[in-house]
């Protein structure tokens, strides 16, 4: 089947070299169109730098996401993390973040590489931290990112200095790419990846008075589904990020 005859589907995610959605979908007569919904903008890096220069005021540092690792690296102007942080209670959420910390900060060891979500990491911190909780944990985070972890830790008696160091904004090319896709191709299906894709789409559809009706809206990931439901959007199908075959069946159903 030629590309022209394949069924188009919008995937609201950034294309990447290791992306496995494209080849798999094309082999099932689908034409995936990747549209990047958002990008990250760093902020408050001077404030973060000041905090990083005062490790004696903290019990350790929490890295909730790879973007937080990058923010710390930028705040330090790519200089090494002060050595006083190394023996502290340092944590990272998930394998990717753990690896990013290790390679970015000269083999800085953190706990949490096997945690799959904020609740897992909170449980780990409670188990490994010990009873003395006088000093706060420094947690660079994004707008919305890290809130679940912070709230759970505070409920457990921890002090958390959450420093918002990046925010998610709609990608500058998002509206033009969406308008082009919807104008020249009949787009029956839109797949959402992450809450930021939901926010960007809501802004776009409201601004250009485009209806979600008569379109199949699919959520990938529990956070995406929750964001769609809270926004009052229909969720016609749901899959986890690793369930590509299930996603394809949902698109073609």
C-alpha atoms as a PDB file:
ATOM      1  CA  UNK A   1       0.000   0.000   0.000  1.00  0.00           C
ATOM      2  CA  UNK A   2       1.360   3.417  -0.944  1.00  0.00           C
ATOM      3  CA  UNK A   3       1.878   6.163   1.643  1.00  0.00           C
ATOM      4  CA  UNK A   4      -1.020   8.086   0.081  1.00  0.00           C
ATOM      5  CA  UNK A   5      -3.430   5.207   0.710  1.00  0.00           C
ATOM      6  CA  UNK A   6      -2.371   4.571   4.282  1.00  0.00           C
ATOM      7  CA  UNK A   7      -4.568   5.829   7.075  1.00  0.00           C
ATOM      8  CA  UNK A   8      -3.056   8.978   8.623  1.00  0.00           C
ATOM      9  CA  UNK A   9      -2.843   9.327  12.395  1.00  0.00           C
ATOM     10  CA  UNK A  10      -1.452  12.205  14.445  1.00  0.00           C
ATOM     11  CA  UNK A  11       0.981  11.257  17.196  1.00  0.00           C
ATOM     12  CA  UNK A  12       1.494  14.131  19.614  1.00  0.00           C
ATOM     13  CA  UNK A  13       5.078  13.363  20.513  1.00  0.00           C
ATOM     14  CA  UNK A  14       8.512  14.385  19.368  1.00  0.00           C
ATOM     15  CA  UNK A  15      10.069  12.069  16.760  1.00  0.00           C
ATOM     16  CA  UNK A  16      13.335  10.516  17.855  1.00  0.00           C
ATOM     17  CA  UNK A  17      16.002   8.267  16.388  1.00  0.00           C
ATOM     18  CA  UNK A  18      15.052   5.393  18.707  1.00  0.00           C
ATOM     19  CA  UNK A  19      11.311   5.771  18.107  1.00  0.00           C
ATOM     20  CA  UNK A  20       9.654   2.408  17.471  1.00  0.00           C
ATOM     21  CA  UNK A  21       6.134   3.681  16.750  1.00  0.00           C
ATOM     22  CA  UNK A  22       6.786   4.833  13.193  1.00  0.00           C
ATOM     23  CA  UNK A  23       8.130   1.611  11.618  1.00  0.00           C
ATOM     24  CA  UNK A  24       5.580  -0.561  13.422  1.00  0.00           C
ATOM     25  CA  UNK A  25       2.645   1.589  12.348  1.00  0.00           C
ATOM     26  CA  UNK A  26       3.797   1.843   8.754  1.00  0.00           C
ATOM     27  CA  UNK A  27       3.979  -1.935   8.591  1.00  0.00           C
ATOM     28  CA  UNK A  28       0.273  -1.968   9.536  1.00  0.00           C
ATOM     29  CA  UNK A  29      -0.808   0.415   6.756  1.00  0.00           C
ATOM     30  CA  UNK A  30      -0.859   3.502   8.976  1.00  0.00           C
ATOM     31  CA  UNK A  31       0.793   6.831   8.198  1.00  0.00           C
ATOM     32  CA  UNK A  32       1.999   8.303  11.525  1.00  0.00           C
ATOM     33  CA  UNK A  33       2.469  12.062  11.584  1.00  0.00           C
ATOM     34  CA  UNK A  34       4.625  13.166  14.507  1.00  0.00           C
ATOM     35  CA  UNK A  35       3.906  16.618  15.891  1.00  0.00           C
ATOM     36  CA  UNK A  36       5.926  17.882  18.853  1.00  0.00           C
ATOM     37  CA  UNK A  37       3.400  19.393  21.277  1.00  0.00           C
ATOM     38  CA  UNK A  38       5.669  21.148  23.742  1.00  0.00           C
ATOM     39  CA  UNK A  39       9.168  22.159  24.693  1.00  0.00           C
ATOM     40  CA  UNK A  40      10.937  22.978  27.911  1.00  0.00           C
ATOM     41  CA  UNK A  41      12.179  26.371  29.042  1.00  0.00           C
ATOM     42  CA  UNK A  42      14.591  26.663  31.962  1.00  0.00           C
ATOM     43  CA  UNK A  43      14.070  29.269  34.653  1.00  0.00           C
ATOM     44  CA  UNK A  44      15.288  30.204  38.157  1.00  0.00           C
ATOM     45  CA  UNK A  45      18.746  28.794  37.412  1.00  0.00           C
ATOM     46  CA  UNK A  46      20.503  31.503  39.439  1.00  0.00           C
ATOM     47  CA  UNK A  47      18.329  30.629  42.418  1.00  0.00           C
ATOM     48  CA  UNK A  48      19.125  26.942  41.932  1.00  0.00           C
ATOM     49  CA  UNK A  49      22.840  27.719  41.654  1.00  0.00           C
ATOM     50  CA  UNK A  50      22.757  29.470  45.026  1.00  0.00           C
ATOM     51  CA  UNK A  51      21.126  26.464  46.633  1.00  0.00           C
ATOM     52  CA  UNK A  52      23.624  24.064  45.065  1.00  0.00           C
ATOM     53  CA  UNK A  53      26.460  26.113  46.537  1.00  0.00           C
ATOM     54  CA  UNK A  54      25.106  25.554  50.062  1.00  0.00           C
ATOM     55  CA  UNK A  55      24.966  21.761  50.470  1.00  0.00           C
ATOM     56  CA  UNK A  56      25.374  22.113  54.255  1.00  0.00           C
ATOM     57  CA  UNK A  57      21.796  23.384  54.395  1.00  0.00           C
ATOM     58  CA  UNK A  58      20.390  20.170  52.923  1.00  0.00           C
ATOM     59  CA  UNK A  59      20.152  16.460  53.643  1.00  0.00           C
ATOM     60  CA  UNK A  60      20.419  15.558  49.986  1.00  0.00           C
ATOM     61  CA  UNK A  61      18.983  16.136  46.532  1.00  0.00           C
ATOM     62  CA  UNK A  62      16.158  14.519  44.564  1.00  0.00           C
ATOM     63  CA  UNK A  63      16.161  14.327  40.754  1.00  0.00           C
ATOM     64  CA  UNK A  64      12.557  13.592  39.666  1.00  0.00           C
ATOM     65  CA  UNK A  65      13.297  13.551  35.912  1.00  0.00           C
ATOM     66  CA  UNK A  66      16.150  13.802  33.389  1.00  0.00           C
ATOM     67  CA  UNK A  67      15.162  17.406  32.668  1.00  0.00           C
ATOM     68  CA  UNK A  68      15.942  18.234  36.308  1.00  0.00           C
ATOM     69  CA  UNK A  69      19.411  16.769  35.881  1.00  0.00           C
ATOM     70  CA  UNK A  70      19.946  18.996  32.858  1.00  0.00           C
ATOM     71  CA  UNK A  71      18.714  22.028  34.814  1.00  0.00           C
ATOM     72  CA  UNK A  72      21.247  21.396  37.591  1.00  0.00           C
ATOM     73  CA  UNK A  73      23.975  20.976  34.990  1.00  0.00           C
ATOM     74  CA  UNK A  74      22.990  24.280  33.354  1.00  0.00           C
ATOM     75  CA  UNK A  75      22.773  26.057  36.715  1.00  0.00           C
ATOM     76  CA  UNK A  76      26.339  24.977  37.455  1.00  0.00           C
ATOM     77  CA  UNK A  77      27.462  26.178  34.003  1.00  0.00           C
ATOM     78  CA  UNK A  78      28.404  22.545  33.354  1.00  0.00           C
ATOM     79  CA  UNK A  79      30.908  22.599  36.231  1.00  0.00           C
ATOM     80  CA  UNK A  80      31.093  19.612  38.607  1.00  0.00           C
ATOM     81  CA  UNK A  81      28.559  19.302  41.378  1.00  0.00           C
ATOM     82  CA  UNK A  82      30.172  20.375  44.680  1.00  0.00           C
ATOM     83  CA  UNK A  83      31.702  17.274  46.270  1.00  0.00           C
ATOM     84  CA  UNK A  84      29.869  17.796  49.574  1.00  0.00           C
ATOM     85  CA  UNK A  85      26.695  16.505  47.919  1.00  0.00           C
ATOM     86  CA  UNK A  86      28.190  13.078  47.213  1.00  0.00           C
ATOM     87  CA  UNK A  87      27.811  11.393  50.636  1.00  0.00           C
ATOM     88  CA  UNK A  88      24.313  12.764  51.174  1.00  0.00           C
ATOM     89  CA  UNK A  89      20.892  11.166  50.688  1.00  0.00           C
ATOM     90  CA  UNK A  90      20.580  11.522  46.925  1.00  0.00           C
ATOM     91  CA  UNK A  91      17.723  10.064  44.884  1.00  0.00           C
ATOM     92  CA  UNK A  92      16.573   9.805  41.280  1.00  0.00           C
ATOM     93  CA  UNK A  93      13.264   8.663  39.863  1.00  0.00           C
ATOM     94  CA  UNK A  94      13.645   5.825  37.390  1.00  0.00           C
ATOM     95  CA  UNK A  95      16.365   4.201  35.357  1.00  0.00           C
ATOM     96  CA  UNK A  96      16.725   6.982  32.784  1.00  0.00           C
ATOM     97  CA  UNK A  97      17.096   9.698  35.418  1.00  0.00           C
ATOM     98  CA  UNK A  98      19.480   7.532  37.438  1.00  0.00           C
ATOM     99  CA  UNK A  99      21.717   7.021  34.397  1.00  0.00           C
ATOM    100  CA  UNK A 100      21.582  10.709  33.517  1.00  0.00           C
ATOM    101  CA  UNK A 101      22.763  11.690  37.010  1.00  0.00           C
ATOM    102  CA  UNK A 102      25.547   9.086  36.931  1.00  0.00           C
ATOM    103  CA  UNK A 103      26.981  10.227  33.602  1.00  0.00           C
ATOM    104  CA  UNK A 104      26.383  13.967  34.041  1.00  0.00           C
ATOM    105  CA  UNK A 105      27.890  14.340  37.509  1.00  0.00           C
ATOM    106  CA  UNK A 106      30.977  12.101  37.356  1.00  0.00           C
ATOM    107  CA  UNK A 107      29.443   8.880  38.713  1.00  0.00           C
ATOM    108  CA  UNK A 108      27.259  10.472  41.381  1.00  0.00           C
ATOM    109  CA  UNK A 109      25.408   7.590  43.016  1.00  0.00           C
ATOM    110  CA  UNK A 110      21.691   7.958  43.664  1.00  0.00           C
ATOM    111  CA  UNK A 111      18.993   5.596  44.892  1.00  0.00           C
ATOM    112  CA  UNK A 112      15.755   5.136  42.984  1.00  0.00           C
ATOM    113  CA  UNK A 113      16.856   3.685  39.676  1.00  0.00           C
ATOM    114  CA  UNK A 114      14.255   0.917  39.977  1.00  0.00           C
ATOM    115  CA  UNK A 115      11.411   3.206  41.059  1.00  0.00           C
ATOM    116  CA  UNK A 116       8.715   3.431  38.413  1.00  0.00           C
ATOM    117  CA  UNK A 117       6.710   6.306  39.878  1.00  0.00           C
ATOM    118  CA  UNK A 118       6.648   8.942  42.618  1.00  0.00           C
ATOM    119  CA  UNK A 119       4.959   6.626  45.106  1.00  0.00           C
ATOM    120  CA  UNK A 120       7.712   4.016  44.691  1.00  0.00           C
ATOM    121  CA  UNK A 121      10.411   6.623  45.220  1.00  0.00           C
ATOM    122  CA  UNK A 122       8.669   8.063  48.275  1.00  0.00           C
ATOM    123  CA  UNK A 123       8.523   4.602  49.842  1.00  0.00           C
ATOM    124  CA  UNK A 124      12.224   4.123  49.126  1.00  0.00           C
ATOM    125  CA  UNK A 125      13.123   7.460  50.707  1.00  0.00           C
ATOM    126  CA  UNK A 126      11.115   6.621  53.824  1.00  0.00           C
ATOM    127  CA  UNK A 127      12.877   3.244  54.092  1.00  0.00           C
ATOM    128  CA  UNK A 128      16.429   4.528  53.558  1.00  0.00           C
ATOM    129  CA  UNK A 129      16.504   8.004  55.041  1.00  0.00           C
ATOM    130  CA  UNK A 130      16.337   7.285  58.749  1.00  0.00           C
ATOM    131  CA  UNK A 131      14.385   9.019  61.526  1.00  0.00           C
ATOM    132  CA  UNK A 132      16.321  12.313  61.630  1.00  0.00           C
ATOM    133  CA  UNK A 133      14.660  14.722  59.212  1.00  0.00           C
ATOM    134  CA  UNK A 134      15.824  18.139  60.376  1.00  0.00           C
ATOM    135  CA  UNK A 135      17.320  19.289  57.067  1.00  0.00           C
ATOM    136  CA  UNK A 136      15.297  19.579  53.850  1.00  0.00           C
ATOM    137  CA  UNK A 137      15.823  17.680  50.640  1.00  0.00           C
ATOM    138  CA  UNK A 138      16.503  19.879  47.615  1.00  0.00           C
ATOM    139  CA  UNK A 139      14.290  18.950  44.675  1.00  0.00           C
ATOM    140  CA  UNK A 140      14.647  20.791  41.357  1.00  0.00           C
ATOM    141  CA  UNK A 141      11.416  20.234  39.447  1.00  0.00           C
ATOM    142  CA  UNK A 142       9.174  21.478  36.649  1.00  0.00           C
ATOM    143  CA  UNK A 143       5.735  23.055  36.571  1.00  0.00           C
ATOM    144  CA  UNK A 144       3.539  20.169  37.649  1.00  0.00           C
ATOM    145  CA  UNK A 145       6.359  17.641  37.709  1.00  0.00           C
ATOM    146  CA  UNK A 146       7.323  16.395  41.156  1.00  0.00           C
ATOM    147  CA  UNK A 147       4.212  17.590  42.974  1.00  0.00           C
ATOM    148  CA  UNK A 148       2.997  14.102  43.872  1.00  0.00           C
ATOM    149  CA  UNK A 149       6.383  13.203  45.308  1.00  0.00           C
ATOM    150  CA  UNK A 150       6.673  16.449  47.266  1.00  0.00           C
ATOM    151  CA  UNK A 151       3.225  16.106  48.803  1.00  0.00           C
ATOM    152  CA  UNK A 152       3.795  12.509  49.814  1.00  0.00           C
ATOM    153  CA  UNK A 153       7.159  13.296  51.389  1.00  0.00           C
ATOM    154  CA  UNK A 154       5.745  16.230  53.338  1.00  0.00           C
ATOM    155  CA  UNK A 155       2.974  13.965  54.600  1.00  0.00           C
ATOM    156  CA  UNK A 156       5.706  11.611  55.851  1.00  0.00           C
ATOM    157  CA  UNK A 157       7.361  14.391  57.846  1.00  0.00           C
ATOM    158  CA  UNK A 158      10.087  15.413  55.384  1.00  0.00           C
ATOM    159  CA  UNK A 159      11.000  18.968  54.502  1.00  0.00           C
ATOM    160  CA  UNK A 160      11.291  19.479  50.743  1.00  0.00           C
ATOM    161  CA  UNK A 161      12.749  22.562  49.093  1.00  0.00           C
ATOM    162  CA  UNK A 162      11.085  22.314  45.669  1.00  0.00           C
ATOM    163  CA  UNK A 163      12.764  24.692  43.229  1.00  0.00           C
ATOM    164  CA  UNK A 164      10.875  25.068  39.936  1.00  0.00           C
ATOM    165  CA  UNK A 165      13.604  25.179  37.314  1.00  0.00           C
ATOM    166  CA  UNK A 166      11.761  24.540  34.059  1.00  0.00           C
ATOM    167  CA  UNK A 167       8.306  24.842  32.613  1.00  0.00           C
ATOM    168  CA  UNK A 168       6.517  23.204  29.733  1.00  0.00           C
ATOM    169  CA  UNK A 169       5.237  25.437  26.948  1.00  0.00           C
ATOM    170  CA  UNK A 170       3.517  24.734  23.667  1.00  0.00           C
ATOM    171  CA  UNK A 171       6.052  24.198  20.905  1.00  0.00           C
ATOM    172  CA  UNK A 172       6.302  27.289  18.673  1.00  0.00           C
ATOM    173  CA  UNK A 173       5.593  25.181  15.555  1.00  0.00           C
ATOM    174  CA  UNK A 174       2.735  23.179  17.090  1.00  0.00           C
ATOM    175  CA  UNK A 175      -0.178  25.292  15.842  1.00  0.00           C
ATOM    176  CA  UNK A 176       1.114  25.551  12.262  1.00  0.00           C
ATOM    177  CA  UNK A 177       1.806  21.827  12.051  1.00  0.00           C
ATOM    178  CA  UNK A 178      -1.591  20.928  13.472  1.00  0.00           C
ATOM    179  CA  UNK A 179      -3.372  23.316  11.105  1.00  0.00           C
ATOM    180  CA  UNK A 180      -1.507  21.873   8.135  1.00  0.00           C
ATOM    181  CA  UNK A 181      -2.273  18.279   9.146  1.00  0.00           C
ATOM    182  CA  UNK A 182      -5.960  18.947   9.754  1.00  0.00           C
ATOM    183  CA  UNK A 183      -6.372  21.030   6.592  1.00  0.00           C
ATOM    184  CA  UNK A 184      -4.817  18.747   4.019  1.00  0.00           C
ATOM    185  CA  UNK A 185      -5.538  15.309   5.469  1.00  0.00           C
ATOM    186  CA  UNK A 186      -8.621  13.818   7.056  1.00  0.00           C
ATOM    187  CA  UNK A 187      -7.408  13.125  10.587  1.00  0.00           C
ATOM    188  CA  UNK A 188      -9.769  10.712  12.279  1.00  0.00           C
ATOM    189  CA  UNK A 189      -7.370   9.736  15.081  1.00  0.00           C
ATOM    190  CA  UNK A 190      -5.174  11.731  17.439  1.00  0.00           C
ATOM    191  CA  UNK A 191      -2.880   9.968  19.924  1.00  0.00           C
ATOM    192  CA  UNK A 192      -1.821  11.898  23.024  1.00  0.00           C
ATOM    193  CA  UNK A 193       1.493  11.274  24.761  1.00  0.00           C
ATOM    194  CA  UNK A 194       1.797  13.005  28.133  1.00  0.00           C
ATOM    195  CA  UNK A 195      -0.201  15.764  29.863  1.00  0.00           C
ATOM    196  CA  UNK A 196       1.678  18.463  27.927  1.00  0.00           C
ATOM    197  CA  UNK A 197       0.195  17.154  24.673  1.00  0.00           C
ATOM    198  CA  UNK A 198      -3.256  17.550  26.211  1.00  0.00           C
ATOM    199  CA  UNK A 199      -2.595  21.132  27.317  1.00  0.00           C
ATOM    200  CA  UNK A 200      -1.179  22.174  23.946  1.00  0.00           C
ATOM    201  CA  UNK A 201      -4.095  20.602  22.083  1.00  0.00           C
ATOM    202  CA  UNK A 202      -6.711  22.252  24.266  1.00  0.00           C
ATOM    203  CA  UNK A 203      -5.146  25.655  23.583  1.00  0.00           C
ATOM    204  CA  UNK A 204      -5.008  24.940  19.850  1.00  0.00           C
ATOM    205  CA  UNK A 205      -8.541  23.575  19.498  1.00  0.00           C
ATOM    206  CA  UNK A 206      -9.983  26.467  21.517  1.00  0.00           C
ATOM    207  CA  UNK A 207      -8.065  29.139  19.590  1.00  0.00           C
ATOM    208  CA  UNK A 208      -8.969  27.798  16.149  1.00  0.00           C
ATOM    209  CA  UNK A 209     -12.456  26.556  17.074  1.00  0.00           C
ATOM    210  CA  UNK A 210     -11.734  22.983  16.020  1.00  0.00           C
ATOM    211  CA  UNK A 211     -13.976  20.278  17.411  1.00  0.00           C
ATOM    212  CA  UNK A 212     -12.841  17.024  18.978  1.00  0.00           C
ATOM    213  CA  UNK A 213     -16.093  15.426  17.840  1.00  0.00           C
ATOM    214  CA  UNK A 214     -15.948  12.762  15.143  1.00  0.00           C
ATOM    215  CA  UNK A 215     -12.308  12.079  16.051  1.00  0.00           C
ATOM    216  CA  UNK A 216     -10.917   9.137  17.928  1.00  0.00           C
ATOM    217  CA  UNK A 217      -8.823  10.336  20.871  1.00  0.00           C
ATOM    218  CA  UNK A 218      -6.347   7.859  22.350  1.00  0.00           C
ATOM    219  CA  UNK A 219      -4.298   8.269  25.528  1.00  0.00           C
ATOM    220  CA  UNK A 220      -0.873   6.691  25.987  1.00  0.00           C
ATOM    221  CA  UNK A 221       0.042   6.436  29.660  1.00  0.00           C
ATOM    222  CA  UNK A 222      -1.990   6.820  32.841  1.00  0.00           C
ATOM    223  CA  UNK A 223      -0.941  10.450  33.327  1.00  0.00           C
ATOM    224  CA  UNK A 224      -2.185  11.312  29.847  1.00  0.00           C
ATOM    225  CA  UNK A 225      -5.530   9.641  30.422  1.00  0.00           C
ATOM    226  CA  UNK A 226      -5.966  11.470  33.731  1.00  0.00           C
ATOM    227  CA  UNK A 227      -5.160  14.825  32.110  1.00  0.00           C
ATOM    228  CA  UNK A 228      -7.676  14.183  29.325  1.00  0.00           C
ATOM    229  CA  UNK A 229     -10.414  13.145  31.737  1.00  0.00           C
ATOM    230  CA  UNK A 230      -9.806  16.166  33.981  1.00  0.00           C
ATOM    231  CA  UNK A 231     -10.070  18.407  30.906  1.00  0.00           C
ATOM    232  CA  UNK A 232     -13.428  16.861  30.012  1.00  0.00           C
ATOM    233  CA  UNK A 233     -12.099  15.161  26.895  1.00  0.00           C
ATOM    234  CA  UNK A 234     -13.331  11.812  25.686  1.00  0.00           C
ATOM    235  CA  UNK A 235     -10.859   8.930  25.940  1.00  0.00           C
ATOM    236  CA  UNK A 236     -11.806   6.452  23.239  1.00  0.00           C
ATOM    237  CA  UNK A 237      -8.896   4.090  23.939  1.00  0.00           C
ATOM    238  CA  UNK A 238      -5.940   3.740  26.252  1.00  0.00           C
ATOM    239  CA  UNK A 239      -2.595   1.936  26.173  1.00  0.00           C
ATOM    240  CA  UNK A 240       0.715   1.980  27.958  1.00  0.00           C
ATOM    241  CA  UNK A 241       3.778   3.316  26.145  1.00  0.00           C
ATOM    242  CA  UNK A 242       5.151  -0.195  25.579  1.00  0.00           C
ATOM    243  CA  UNK A 243       1.892  -1.571  24.145  1.00  0.00           C
ATOM    244  CA  UNK A 244       2.378  -0.597  20.507  1.00  0.00           C
ATOM    245  CA  UNK A 245       0.343  -3.506  19.139  1.00  0.00           C
ATOM    246  CA  UNK A 246      -2.581  -2.604  21.403  1.00  0.00           C
ATOM    247  CA  UNK A 247      -2.322   1.021  20.272  1.00  0.00           C
ATOM    248  CA  UNK A 248      -2.406  -0.035  16.617  1.00  0.00           C
ATOM    249  CA  UNK A 249      -5.486  -2.213  17.219  1.00  0.00           C
ATOM    250  CA  UNK A 250      -7.199   0.732  18.908  1.00  0.00           C
ATOM    251  CA  UNK A 251      -6.446   3.015  15.958  1.00  0.00           C
ATOM    252  CA  UNK A 252      -7.737   0.527  13.416  1.00  0.00           C
ATOM    253  CA  UNK A 253     -10.802  -0.546  15.422  1.00  0.00           C
END
